[in-house]
mmCIF file of all heavy atoms, coordinates in Angstrom:
data_MODEL
# 
_entry.id   MODEL 
# 
loop_
_atom_site.group_PDB 
_atom_site.id 
_atom_site.type_symbol 
_atom_site.label_atom_id 
_atom_site.label_alt_id 
_atom_site.label_comp_id 
_atom_site.label_asym_id 
_atom_site.label_entity_id 
_atom_site.label_seq_id 
_atom_site.pdbx_PDB_ins_code 
_atom_site.Cartn_x 
_atom_site.Cartn_y 
_atom_site.Cartn_z 
_atom_site.occupancy 
_atom_site.B_iso_or_equiv 
_atom_site.pdbx_formal_charge 
_atom_site.auth_seq_id 
_atom_site.auth_comp_id 
_atom_site.auth_asym_id 
_atom_site.auth_atom_id 
_atom_site.pdbx_PDB_model_num 
ATOM 1   N N   . ILE A 1 1  ? -1.894 11.052  0.920  1.00 0.00 ? 1  ILE A N   1 
ATOM 2   C CA  . ILE A 1 1  ? -2.529 12.362  0.750  1.00 0.00 ? 1  ILE A CA  1 
ATOM 3   C C   . ILE A 1 1  ? -3.063 12.523  -0.676 1.00 0.00 ? 1  ILE A C   1 
ATOM 4   O O   . ILE A 1 1  ? -3.268 13.630  -1.152 1.00 0.00 ? 1  ILE A O   1 
ATOM 5   C CB  . ILE A 1 1  ? -1.557 13.513  1.104  1.00 0.00 ? 1  ILE A CB  1 
ATOM 6   C CG1 . ILE A 1 1  ? -0.262 13.409  0.293  1.00 0.00 ? 1  ILE A CG1 1 
ATOM 7   C CG2 . ILE A 1 1  ? -1.264 13.520  2.593  1.00 0.00 ? 1  ILE A CG2 1 
ATOM 8   C CD1 . ILE A 1 1  ? 0.670  14.604  0.467  1.00 0.00 ? 1  ILE A CD1 1 
ATOM 9   N N   . ASN A 1 2  ? -3.270 11.392  -1.349 1.00 0.00 ? 2  ASN A N   1 
ATOM 10  C CA  . ASN A 1 2  ? -3.908 11.410  -2.659 1.00 0.00 ? 2  ASN A CA  1 
ATOM 11  C C   . ASN A 1 2  ? -4.587 10.059  -2.861 1.00 0.00 ? 2  ASN A C   1 
ATOM 12  O O   . ASN A 1 2  ? -4.536 9.188   -1.989 1.00 0.00 ? 2  ASN A O   1 
ATOM 13  C CB  . ASN A 1 2  ? -2.883 11.702  -3.763 1.00 0.00 ? 2  ASN A CB  1 
ATOM 14  C CG  . ASN A 1 2  ? -3.503 12.367  -4.985 1.00 0.00 ? 2  ASN A CG  1 
ATOM 15  O OD1 . ASN A 1 2  ? -4.659 12.111  -5.323 1.00 0.00 ? 2  ASN A OD1 1 
ATOM 16  N ND2 . ASN A 1 2  ? -2.739 13.228  -5.663 1.00 0.00 ? 2  ASN A ND2 1 
ATOM 17  N N   . LYS A 1 3  ? -5.196 9.873   -4.003 1.00 0.00 ? 3  LYS A N   1 
ATOM 18  C CA  . LYS A 1 3  ? -5.916 8.643   -4.294 1.00 0.00 ? 3  LYS A CA  1 
ATOM 19  C C   . LYS A 1 3  ? -5.019 7.419   -4.117 1.00 0.00 ? 3  LYS A C   1 
ATOM 20  O O   . LYS A 1 3  ? -3.876 7.412   -4.581 1.00 0.00 ? 3  LYS A O   1 
ATOM 21  C CB  . LYS A 1 3  ? -6.457 8.680   -5.730 1.00 0.00 ? 3  LYS A CB  1 
ATOM 22  C CG  . LYS A 1 3  ? -7.474 9.777   -5.982 1.00 0.00 ? 3  LYS A CG  1 
ATOM 23  C CD  . LYS A 1 3  ? -7.828 9.871   -7.455 1.00 0.00 ? 3  LYS A CD  1 
ATOM 24  C CE  . LYS A 1 3  ? -8.852 10.970  -7.698 1.00 0.00 ? 3  LYS A CE  1 
ATOM 25  N NZ  . LYS A 1 3  ? -9.148 11.127  -9.143 1.00 0.00 ? 3  LYS A NZ  1 
ATOM 26  N N   . VAL A 1 4  ? -5.544 6.384   -3.468 1.00 0.00 ? 4  VAL A N   1 
ATOM 27  C CA  . VAL A 1 4  ? -4.812 5.126   -3.280 1.00 0.00 ? 4  VAL A CA  1 
ATOM 28  C C   . VAL A 1 4  ? -5.337 4.138   -4.322 1.00 0.00 ? 4  VAL A C   1 
ATOM 29  O O   . VAL A 1 4  ? -6.523 3.830   -4.353 1.00 0.00 ? 4  VAL A O   1 
ATOM 30  C CB  . VAL A 1 4  ? -4.999 4.565   -1.863 1.00 0.00 ? 4  VAL A CB  1 
ATOM 31  C CG1 . VAL A 1 4  ? -4.054 3.380   -1.645 1.00 0.00 ? 4  VAL A CG1 1 
ATOM 32  C CG2 . VAL A 1 4  ? -4.741 5.645   -0.818 1.00 0.00 ? 4  VAL A CG2 1 
ATOM 33  N N   . ASN A 1 5  ? -4.447 3.642   -5.167 1.00 0.00 ? 5  ASN A N   1 
ATOM 34  C CA  . ASN A 1 5  ? -4.875 2.850   -6.316 1.00 0.00 ? 5  ASN A CA  1 
ATOM 35  C C   . ASN A 1 5  ? -4.731 1.344   -6.149 1.00 0.00 ? 5  ASN A C   1 
ATOM 36  O O   . ASN A 1 5  ? -5.363 0.588   -6.885 1.00 0.00 ? 5  ASN A O   1 
ATOM 37  C CB  . ASN A 1 5  ? -4.099 3.278   -7.568 1.00 0.00 ? 5  ASN A CB  1 
ATOM 38  C CG  . ASN A 1 5  ? -4.700 4.504   -8.229 1.00 0.00 ? 5  ASN A CG  1 
ATOM 39  O OD1 . ASN A 1 5  ? -5.858 4.824   -8.014 1.00 0.00 ? 5  ASN A OD1 1 
ATOM 40  N ND2 . ASN A 1 5  ? -3.910 5.201   -9.030 1.00 0.00 ? 5  ASN A ND2 1 
ATOM 41  N N   . SER A 1 6  ? -3.888 0.896   -5.222 1.00 0.00 ? 6  SER A N   1 
ATOM 42  C CA  . SER A 1 6  ? -3.644 -0.548  -5.156 1.00 0.00 ? 6  SER A CA  1 
ATOM 43  C C   . SER A 1 6  ? -3.191 -0.955  -3.763 1.00 0.00 ? 6  SER A C   1 
ATOM 44  O O   . SER A 1 6  ? -2.485 -0.205  -3.074 1.00 0.00 ? 6  SER A O   1 
ATOM 45  C CB  . SER A 1 6  ? -2.572 -0.936  -6.190 1.00 0.00 ? 6  SER A CB  1 
ATOM 46  O OG  . SER A 1 6  ? -2.429 -2.336  -6.280 1.00 0.00 ? 6  SER A OG  1 
ATOM 47  N N   . VAL A 1 7  ? -3.628 -2.161  -3.353 1.00 0.00 ? 7  VAL A N   1 
ATOM 48  C CA  . VAL A 1 7  ? -3.222 -2.735  -2.068 1.00 0.00 ? 7  VAL A CA  1 
ATOM 49  C C   . VAL A 1 7  ? -2.966 -4.220  -2.271 1.00 0.00 ? 7  VAL A C   1 
ATOM 50  O O   . VAL A 1 7  ? -3.661 -4.877  -3.055 1.00 0.00 ? 7  VAL A O   1 
ATOM 51  C CB  . VAL A 1 7  ? -4.291 -2.493  -0.980 1.00 0.00 ? 7  VAL A CB  1 
ATOM 52  C CG1 . VAL A 1 7  ? -5.632 -3.112  -1.386 1.00 0.00 ? 7  VAL A CG1 1 
ATOM 53  C CG2 . VAL A 1 7  ? -3.854 -3.054  0.371  1.00 0.00 ? 7  VAL A CG2 1 
ATOM 54  N N   . HIS A 1 8  ? -1.963 -4.753  -1.561 1.00 0.00 ? 8  HIS A N   1 
ATOM 55  C CA  . HIS A 1 8  ? -1.671 -6.184  -1.663 1.00 0.00 ? 8  HIS A CA  1 
ATOM 56  C C   . HIS A 1 8  ? -1.043 -6.660  -0.359 1.00 0.00 ? 8  HIS A C   1 
ATOM 57  O O   . HIS A 1 8  ? -0.139 -6.017  0.181  1.00 0.00 ? 8  HIS A O   1 
ATOM 58  C CB  . HIS A 1 8  ? -0.707 -6.454  -2.823 1.00 0.00 ? 8  HIS A CB  1 
ATOM 59  C CG  . HIS A 1 8  ? -0.572 -7.912  -3.157 1.00 0.00 ? 8  HIS A CG  1 
ATOM 60  N ND1 . HIS A 1 8  ? 0.643  -8.523  -3.384 1.00 0.00 ? 8  HIS A ND1 1 
ATOM 61  C CD2 . HIS A 1 8  ? -1.499 -8.902  -3.277 1.00 0.00 ? 8  HIS A CD2 1 
ATOM 62  C CE1 . HIS A 1 8  ? 0.449  -9.797  -3.658 1.00 0.00 ? 8  HIS A CE1 1 
ATOM 63  N NE2 . HIS A 1 8  ? -0.839 -10.054 -3.593 1.00 0.00 ? 8  HIS A NE2 1 
ATOM 64  N N   . TYR A 1 9  ? -1.541 -7.806  0.134  1.00 0.00 ? 9  TYR A N   1 
ATOM 65  C CA  . TYR A 1 9  ? -1.031 -8.390  1.379  1.00 0.00 ? 9  TYR A CA  1 
ATOM 66  C C   . TYR A 1 9  ? 0.280  -9.139  1.161  1.00 0.00 ? 9  TYR A C   1 
ATOM 67  O O   . TYR A 1 9  ? 0.511  -9.736  0.108  1.00 0.00 ? 9  TYR A O   1 
ATOM 68  C CB  . TYR A 1 9  ? -2.046 -9.375  1.946  1.00 0.00 ? 9  TYR A CB  1 
ATOM 69  C CG  . TYR A 1 9  ? -2.900 -8.830  3.069  1.00 0.00 ? 9  TYR A CG  1 
ATOM 70  C CD1 . TYR A 1 9  ? -4.205 -8.423  2.841  1.00 0.00 ? 9  TYR A CD1 1 
ATOM 71  C CD2 . TYR A 1 9  ? -2.402 -8.723  4.372  1.00 0.00 ? 9  TYR A CD2 1 
ATOM 72  C CE1 . TYR A 1 9  ? -5.010 -7.936  3.868  1.00 0.00 ? 9  TYR A CE1 1 
ATOM 73  C CE2 . TYR A 1 9  ? -3.184 -8.248  5.404  1.00 0.00 ? 9  TYR A CE2 1 
ATOM 74  C CZ  . TYR A 1 9  ? -4.484 -7.847  5.153  1.00 0.00 ? 9  TYR A CZ  1 
ATOM 75  O OH  . TYR A 1 9  ? -5.260 -7.366  6.171  1.00 0.00 ? 9  TYR A OH  1 
ATOM 76  N N   . SER A 1 10 ? 1.084  -9.143  2.207  1.00 0.00 ? 10 SER A N   1 
ATOM 77  C CA  . SER A 1 10 ? 2.269  -10.008 2.265  1.00 0.00 ? 10 SER A CA  1 
ATOM 78  C C   . SER A 1 10 ? 1.833  -11.424 2.634  1.00 0.00 ? 10 SER A C   1 
ATOM 79  O O   . SER A 1 10 ? 0.710  -11.649 3.094  1.00 0.00 ? 10 SER A O   1 
ATOM 80  C CB  . SER A 1 10 ? 3.251  -9.473  3.308  1.00 0.00 ? 10 SER A CB  1 
ATOM 81  O OG  . SER A 1 10 ? 4.293  -10.391 3.560  1.00 0.00 ? 10 SER A OG  1 
ATOM 82  N N   . GLY A 1 11 ? 2.727  -12.376 2.445  1.00 0.00 ? 11 GLY A N   1 
ATOM 83  C CA  . GLY A 1 11 ? 2.435  -13.765 2.781  1.00 0.00 ? 11 GLY A CA  1 
ATOM 84  C C   . GLY A 1 11 ? 2.234  -14.009 4.260  1.00 0.00 ? 11 GLY A C   1 
ATOM 85  O O   . GLY A 1 11 ? 1.690  -15.045 4.650  1.00 0.00 ? 11 GLY A O   1 
ATOM 86  N N   . ASP A 1 12 ? 2.666  -13.048 5.117  1.00 0.00 ? 12 ASP A N   1 
ATOM 87  C CA  . ASP A 1 12 ? 2.518  -13.251 6.561  1.00 0.00 ? 12 ASP A CA  1 
ATOM 88  C C   . ASP A 1 12 ? 1.130  -12.851 7.080  1.00 0.00 ? 12 ASP A C   1 
ATOM 89  O O   . ASP A 1 12 ? 0.843  -12.994 8.275  1.00 0.00 ? 12 ASP A O   1 
ATOM 90  C CB  . ASP A 1 12 ? 3.602  -12.486 7.335  1.00 0.00 ? 12 ASP A CB  1 
ATOM 91  C CG  . ASP A 1 12 ? 3.495  -10.965 7.184  1.00 0.00 ? 12 ASP A CG  1 
ATOM 92  O OD1 . ASP A 1 12 ? 2.536  -10.479 6.546  1.00 0.00 ? 12 ASP A OD1 1 
ATOM 93  O OD2 . ASP A 1 12 ? 4.394  -10.263 7.696  1.00 0.00 ? 12 ASP A OD2 1 
ATOM 94  N N   . SER A 1 13 ? 0.265  -12.352 6.198  1.00 0.00 ? 13 SER A N   1 
ATOM 95  C CA  . SER A 1 13 ? -1.106 -11.948 6.540  1.00 0.00 ? 13 SER A CA  1 
ATOM 96  C C   . SER A 1 13 ? -1.162 -10.809 7.557  1.00 0.00 ? 13 SER A C   1 
ATOM 97  O O   . SER A 1 13 ? -2.228 -10.495 8.088  1.00 0.00 ? 13 SER A O   1 
ATOM 98  C CB  . SER A 1 13 ? -1.931 -13.141 7.077  1.00 0.00 ? 13 SER A CB  1 
ATOM 99  O OG  . SER A 1 13 ? -2.069 -14.126 6.077  1.00 0.00 ? 13 SER A OG  1 
ATOM 100 N N   . ARG A 1 14 ? -0.031 -10.186 7.799  1.00 0.00 ? 14 ARG A N   1 
ATOM 101 C CA  . ARG A 1 14 ? 0.013  -9.068  8.749  1.00 0.00 ? 14 ARG A CA  1 
ATOM 102 C C   . ARG A 1 14 ? 0.328  -7.743  8.047  1.00 0.00 ? 14 ARG A C   1 
ATOM 103 O O   . ARG A 1 14 ? -0.290 -6.726  8.336  1.00 0.00 ? 14 ARG A O   1 
ATOM 104 C CB  . ARG A 1 14 ? 1.056  -9.331  9.836  1.00 0.00 ? 14 ARG A CB  1 
ATOM 105 C CG  . ARG A 1 14 ? 1.204  -8.172  10.811 1.00 0.00 ? 14 ARG A CG  1 
ATOM 106 C CD  . ARG A 1 14 ? 2.024  -8.538  12.022 1.00 0.00 ? 14 ARG A CD  1 
ATOM 107 N NE  . ARG A 1 14 ? 2.093  -7.431  12.976 1.00 0.00 ? 14 ARG A NE  1 
ATOM 108 C CZ  . ARG A 1 14 ? 2.530  -7.538  14.209 1.00 0.00 ? 14 ARG A CZ  1 
ATOM 109 N NH1 . ARG A 1 14 ? 2.953  -8.718  14.678 1.00 0.00 ? 14 ARG A NH1 1 
ATOM 110 N NH2 . ARG A 1 14 ? 2.561  -6.486  15.020 1.00 0.00 ? 14 ARG A NH2 1 
ATOM 111 N N   . HIS A 1 15 ? 1.266  -7.781  7.134  1.00 0.00 ? 15 HIS A N   1 
ATOM 112 C CA  . HIS A 1 15 ? 1.695  -6.563  6.467  1.00 0.00 ? 15 HIS A CA  1 
ATOM 113 C C   . HIS A 1 15 ? 1.055  -6.441  5.079  1.00 0.00 ? 15 HIS A C   1 
ATOM 114 O O   . HIS A 1 15 ? 0.803  -7.447  4.420  1.00 0.00 ? 15 HIS A O   1 
ATOM 115 C CB  . HIS A 1 15 ? 3.219  -6.525  6.350  1.00 0.00 ? 15 HIS A CB  1 
ATOM 116 C CG  . HIS A 1 15 ? 3.914  -6.498  7.670  1.00 0.00 ? 15 HIS A CG  1 
ATOM 117 N ND1 . HIS A 1 15 ? 4.305  -7.659  8.316  1.00 0.00 ? 15 HIS A ND1 1 
ATOM 118 C CD2 . HIS A 1 15 ? 4.253  -5.472  8.479  1.00 0.00 ? 15 HIS A CD2 1 
ATOM 119 C CE1 . HIS A 1 15 ? 4.871  -7.335  9.481  1.00 0.00 ? 15 HIS A CE1 1 
ATOM 120 N NE2 . HIS A 1 15 ? 4.856  -6.012  9.600  1.00 0.00 ? 15 HIS A NE2 1 
ATOM 121 N N   . CYS A 1 16 ? 0.819  -5.214  4.666  1.00 0.00 ? 16 CYS A N   1 
ATOM 122 C CA  . CYS A 1 16 ? 0.358  -4.965  3.303  1.00 0.00 ? 16 CYS A CA  1 
ATOM 123 C C   . CYS A 1 16 ? 1.072  -3.741  2.753  1.00 0.00 ? 16 CYS A C   1 
ATOM 124 O O   . CYS A 1 16 ? 1.618  -2.929  3.515  1.00 0.00 ? 16 CYS A O   1 
ATOM 125 C CB  . CYS A 1 16 ? -1.163 -4.796  3.242  1.00 0.00 ? 16 CYS A CB  1 
ATOM 126 S SG  . CYS A 1 16 ? -1.793 -3.230  3.904  1.00 0.00 ? 16 CYS A SG  1 
ATOM 127 N N   . VAL A 1 17 ? 1.075  -3.628  1.444  1.00 0.00 ? 17 VAL A N   1 
ATOM 128 C CA  . VAL A 1 17 ? 1.679  -2.473  0.785  1.00 0.00 ? 17 VAL A CA  1 
ATOM 129 C C   . VAL A 1 17 ? 0.603  -1.763  -0.014 1.00 0.00 ? 17 VAL A C   1 
ATOM 130 O O   . VAL A 1 17 ? -0.285 -2.403  -0.601 1.00 0.00 ? 17 VAL A O   1 
ATOM 131 C CB  . VAL A 1 17 ? 2.869  -2.887  -0.118 1.00 0.00 ? 17 VAL A CB  1 
ATOM 132 C CG1 . VAL A 1 17 ? 2.427  -3.830  -1.235 1.00 0.00 ? 17 VAL A CG1 1 
ATOM 133 C CG2 . VAL A 1 17 ? 3.569  -1.656  -0.701 1.00 0.00 ? 17 VAL A CG2 1 
ATOM 134 N N   . THR A 1 18 ? 0.657  -0.435  -0.023 1.00 0.00 ? 18 THR A N   1 
ATOM 135 C CA  . THR A 1 18 ? -0.289 0.366   -0.796 1.00 0.00 ? 18 THR A CA  1 
ATOM 136 C C   . THR A 1 18 ? 0.482  1.362   -1.658 1.00 0.00 ? 18 THR A C   1 
ATOM 137 O O   . THR A 1 18 ? 1.556  1.826   -1.289 1.00 0.00 ? 18 THR A O   1 
ATOM 138 C CB  . THR A 1 18 ? -1.257 1.138   0.116  1.00 0.00 ? 18 THR A CB  1 
ATOM 139 O OG1 . THR A 1 18 ? -0.501 1.934   1.052  1.00 0.00 ? 18 THR A OG1 1 
ATOM 140 C CG2 . THR A 1 18 ? -2.154 0.187   0.880  1.00 0.00 ? 18 THR A CG2 1 
ATOM 141 N N   . GLY A 1 19 ? -0.102 1.683   -2.807 1.00 0.00 ? 19 GLY A N   1 
ATOM 142 C CA  . GLY A 1 19 ? 0.501  2.660   -3.708 1.00 0.00 ? 19 GLY A CA  1 
ATOM 143 C C   . GLY A 1 19 ? -0.496 3.761   -4.005 1.00 0.00 ? 19 GLY A C   1 
ATOM 144 O O   . GLY A 1 19 ? -1.675 3.498   -4.263 1.00 0.00 ? 19 GLY A O   1 
ATOM 145 N N   . SER A 1 20 ? -0.028 5.010   -3.979 1.00 0.00 ? 20 SER A N   1 
ATOM 146 C CA  . SER A 1 20 ? -0.914 6.158   -4.121 1.00 0.00 ? 20 SER A CA  1 
ATOM 147 C C   . SER A 1 20 ? -0.367 7.162   -5.118 1.00 0.00 ? 20 SER A C   1 
ATOM 148 O O   . SER A 1 20 ? 0.842  7.209   -5.403 1.00 0.00 ? 20 SER A O   1 
ATOM 149 C CB  . SER A 1 20 ? -1.091 6.836   -2.750 1.00 0.00 ? 20 SER A CB  1 
ATOM 150 O OG  . SER A 1 20 ? -1.666 8.121   -2.863 1.00 0.00 ? 20 SER A OG  1 
ATOM 151 N N   . LEU A 1 21 ? -1.266 8.007   -5.624 1.00 0.00 ? 21 LEU A N   1 
ATOM 152 C CA  . LEU A 1 21 ? -0.865 9.085   -6.528 1.00 0.00 ? 21 LEU A CA  1 
ATOM 153 C C   . LEU A 1 21 ? -0.129 10.205  -5.793 1.00 0.00 ? 21 LEU A C   1 
ATOM 154 O O   . LEU A 1 21 ? 0.238  11.202  -6.410 1.00 0.00 ? 21 LEU A O   1 
ATOM 155 C CB  . LEU A 1 21 ? -2.087 9.646   -7.254 1.00 0.00 ? 21 LEU A CB  1 
ATOM 156 C CG  . LEU A 1 21 ? -2.831 8.673   -8.179 1.00 0.00 ? 21 LEU A CG  1 
ATOM 157 C CD1 . LEU A 1 21 ? -3.928 9.402   -8.941 1.00 0.00 ? 21 LEU A CD1 1 
ATOM 158 C CD2 . LEU A 1 21 ? -1.878 8.005   -9.158 1.00 0.00 ? 21 LEU A CD2 1 
ATOM 159 N N   . ASP A 1 22 ? 0.086  10.041  -4.487 1.00 0.00 ? 22 ASP A N   1 
ATOM 160 C CA  . ASP A 1 22 ? 0.944  11.000  -3.778 1.00 0.00 ? 22 ASP A CA  1 
ATOM 161 C C   . ASP A 1 22 ? 2.426  10.669  -3.972 1.00 0.00 ? 22 ASP A C   1 
ATOM 162 O O   . ASP A 1 22 ? 3.299  11.344  -3.420 1.00 0.00 ? 22 ASP A O   1 
ATOM 163 C CB  . ASP A 1 22 ? 0.598  11.058  -2.284 1.00 0.00 ? 22 ASP A CB  1 
ATOM 164 C CG  . ASP A 1 22 ? 0.803  9.727   -1.554 1.00 0.00 ? 22 ASP A CG  1 
ATOM 165 O OD1 . ASP A 1 22 ? 1.390  8.795   -2.142 1.00 0.00 ? 22 ASP A OD1 1 
ATOM 166 O OD2 . ASP A 1 22 ? 0.364  9.604   -0.396 1.00 0.00 ? 22 ASP A OD2 1 
ATOM 167 N N   . GLY A 1 23 ? 2.697  9.620   -4.779 1.00 0.00 ? 23 GLY A N   1 
ATOM 168 C CA  . GLY A 1 23 ? 4.080  9.262   -5.066 1.00 0.00 ? 23 GLY A CA  1 
ATOM 169 C C   . GLY A 1 23 ? 4.753  8.461   -3.974 1.00 0.00 ? 23 GLY A C   1 
ATOM 170 O O   . GLY A 1 23 ? 5.989  8.455   -3.858 1.00 0.00 ? 23 GLY A O   1 
ATOM 171 N N   . LYS A 1 24 ? 3.963  7.757   -3.176 1.00 0.00 ? 24 LYS A N   1 
ATOM 172 C CA  . LYS A 1 24 ? 4.526  6.973   -2.068 1.00 0.00 ? 24 LYS A CA  1 
ATOM 173 C C   . LYS A 1 24 ? 3.982  5.546   -2.090 1.00 0.00 ? 24 LYS A C   1 
ATOM 174 O O   . LYS A 1 24 ? 2.819  5.304   -2.406 1.00 0.00 ? 24 LYS A O   1 
ATOM 175 C CB  . LYS A 1 24 ? 4.163  7.595   -0.719 1.00 0.00 ? 24 LYS A CB  1 
ATOM 176 C CG  . LYS A 1 24 ? 4.640  9.023   -0.500 1.00 0.00 ? 24 LYS A CG  1 
ATOM 177 C CD  . LYS A 1 24 ? 6.131  9.097   -0.256 1.00 0.00 ? 24 LYS A CD  1 
ATOM 178 C CE  . LYS A 1 24 ? 6.558  10.450  0.288  1.00 0.00 ? 24 LYS A CE  1 
ATOM 179 N NZ  . LYS A 1 24 ? 6.210  11.576  -0.601 1.00 0.00 ? 24 LYS A NZ  1 
ATOM 180 N N   . LEU A 1 25 ? 4.867  4.610   -1.739 1.00 0.00 ? 25 LEU A N   1 
ATOM 181 C CA  . LEU A 1 25 ? 4.446  3.281   -1.309 1.00 0.00 ? 25 LEU A CA  1 
ATOM 182 C C   . LEU A 1 25 ? 4.513  3.288   0.208  1.00 0.00 ? 25 LEU A C   1 
ATOM 183 O O   . LEU A 1 25 ? 5.476  3.797   0.784  1.00 0.00 ? 25 LEU A O   1 
ATOM 184 C CB  . LEU A 1 25 ? 5.388  2.186   -1.828 1.00 0.00 ? 25 LEU A CB  1 
ATOM 185 C CG  . LEU A 1 25 ? 5.430  1.830   -3.309 1.00 0.00 ? 25 LEU A CG  1 
ATOM 186 C CD1 . LEU A 1 25 ? 6.324  0.615   -3.504 1.00 0.00 ? 25 LEU A CD1 1 
ATOM 187 C CD2 . LEU A 1 25 ? 4.055  1.569   -3.857 1.00 0.00 ? 25 LEU A CD2 1 
ATOM 188 N N   . ILE A 1 26 ? 3.506  2.729   0.848  1.00 0.00 ? 26 ILE A N   1 
ATOM 189 C CA  . ILE A 1 26 ? 3.553  2.585   2.302  1.00 0.00 ? 26 ILE A CA  1 
ATOM 190 C C   . ILE A 1 26 ? 3.355  1.122   2.652  1.00 0.00 ? 26 ILE A C   1 
ATOM 191 O O   . ILE A 1 26 ? 2.436  0.468   2.156  1.00 0.00 ? 26 ILE A O   1 
ATOM 192 C CB  . ILE A 1 26 ? 2.479  3.445   3.004  1.00 0.00 ? 26 ILE A CB  1 
ATOM 193 C CG1 . ILE A 1 26 ? 2.704  4.926   2.708  1.00 0.00 ? 26 ILE A CG1 1 
ATOM 194 C CG2 . ILE A 1 26 ? 2.520  3.203   4.513  1.00 0.00 ? 26 ILE A CG2 1 
ATOM 195 C CD1 . ILE A 1 26 ? 1.693  5.856   3.389  1.00 0.00 ? 26 ILE A CD1 1 
ATOM 196 N N   . ILE A 1 27 ? 4.260  0.614   3.474  1.00 0.00 ? 27 ILE A N   1 
ATOM 197 C CA  . ILE A 1 27 ? 4.115  -0.732  4.030  1.00 0.00 ? 27 ILE A CA  1 
ATOM 198 C C   . ILE A 1 27 ? 3.522  -0.572  5.423  1.00 0.00 ? 27 ILE A C   1 
ATOM 199 O O   . ILE A 1 27 ? 4.037  0.180   6.262  1.00 0.00 ? 27 ILE A O   1 
ATOM 200 C CB  . ILE A 1 27 ? 5.469  -1.462  4.088  1.00 0.00 ? 27 ILE A CB  1 
ATOM 201 C CG1 . ILE A 1 27 ? 6.024  -1.655  2.664  1.00 0.00 ? 27 ILE A CG1 1 
ATOM 202 C CG2 . ILE A 1 27 ? 5.318  -2.819  4.777  1.00 0.00 ? 27 ILE A CG2 1 
ATOM 203 C CD1 . ILE A 1 27 ? 7.427  -2.224  2.621  1.00 0.00 ? 27 ILE A CD1 1 
ATOM 204 N N   . TRP A 1 28 ? 2.413  -1.275  5.659  1.00 0.00 ? 28 TRP A N   1 
ATOM 205 C CA  . TRP A 1 28 ? 1.651  -1.130  6.898  1.00 0.00 ? 28 TRP A CA  1 
ATOM 206 C C   . TRP A 1 28 ? 1.707  -2.408  7.729  1.00 0.00 ? 28 TRP A C   1 
ATOM 207 O O   . TRP A 1 28 ? 1.736  -3.513  7.186  1.00 0.00 ? 28 TRP A O   1 
ATOM 208 C CB  . TRP A 1 28 ? 0.180  -0.851  6.601  1.00 0.00 ? 28 TRP A CB  1 
ATOM 209 C CG  . TRP A 1 28 ? -0.101 0.298   5.697  1.00 0.00 ? 28 TRP A CG  1 
ATOM 210 C CD1 . TRP A 1 28 ? -0.145 0.280   4.335  1.00 0.00 ? 28 TRP A CD1 1 
ATOM 211 C CD2 . TRP A 1 28 ? -0.418 1.641   6.083  1.00 0.00 ? 28 TRP A CD2 1 
ATOM 212 N NE1 . TRP A 1 28 ? -0.463 1.528   3.848  1.00 0.00 ? 28 TRP A NE1 1 
ATOM 213 C CE2 . TRP A 1 28 ? -0.639 2.384   4.895  1.00 0.00 ? 28 TRP A CE2 1 
ATOM 214 C CE3 . TRP A 1 28 ? -0.547 2.285   7.325  1.00 0.00 ? 28 TRP A CE3 1 
ATOM 215 C CZ2 . TRP A 1 28 ? -0.984 3.737   4.918  1.00 0.00 ? 28 TRP A CZ2 1 
ATOM 216 C CZ3 . TRP A 1 28 ? -0.891 3.623   7.338  1.00 0.00 ? 28 TRP A CZ3 1 
ATOM 217 C CH2 . TRP A 1 28 ? -1.101 4.339   6.148  1.00 0.00 ? 28 TRP A CH2 1 
# 
């Protein structure tokens, strides 16, 4: 719910993590 500043894939090429100014990391 705020600007997303960074994304990075896991080694499995399926999951990624994102970090946002909403104070959350989300693993997708």
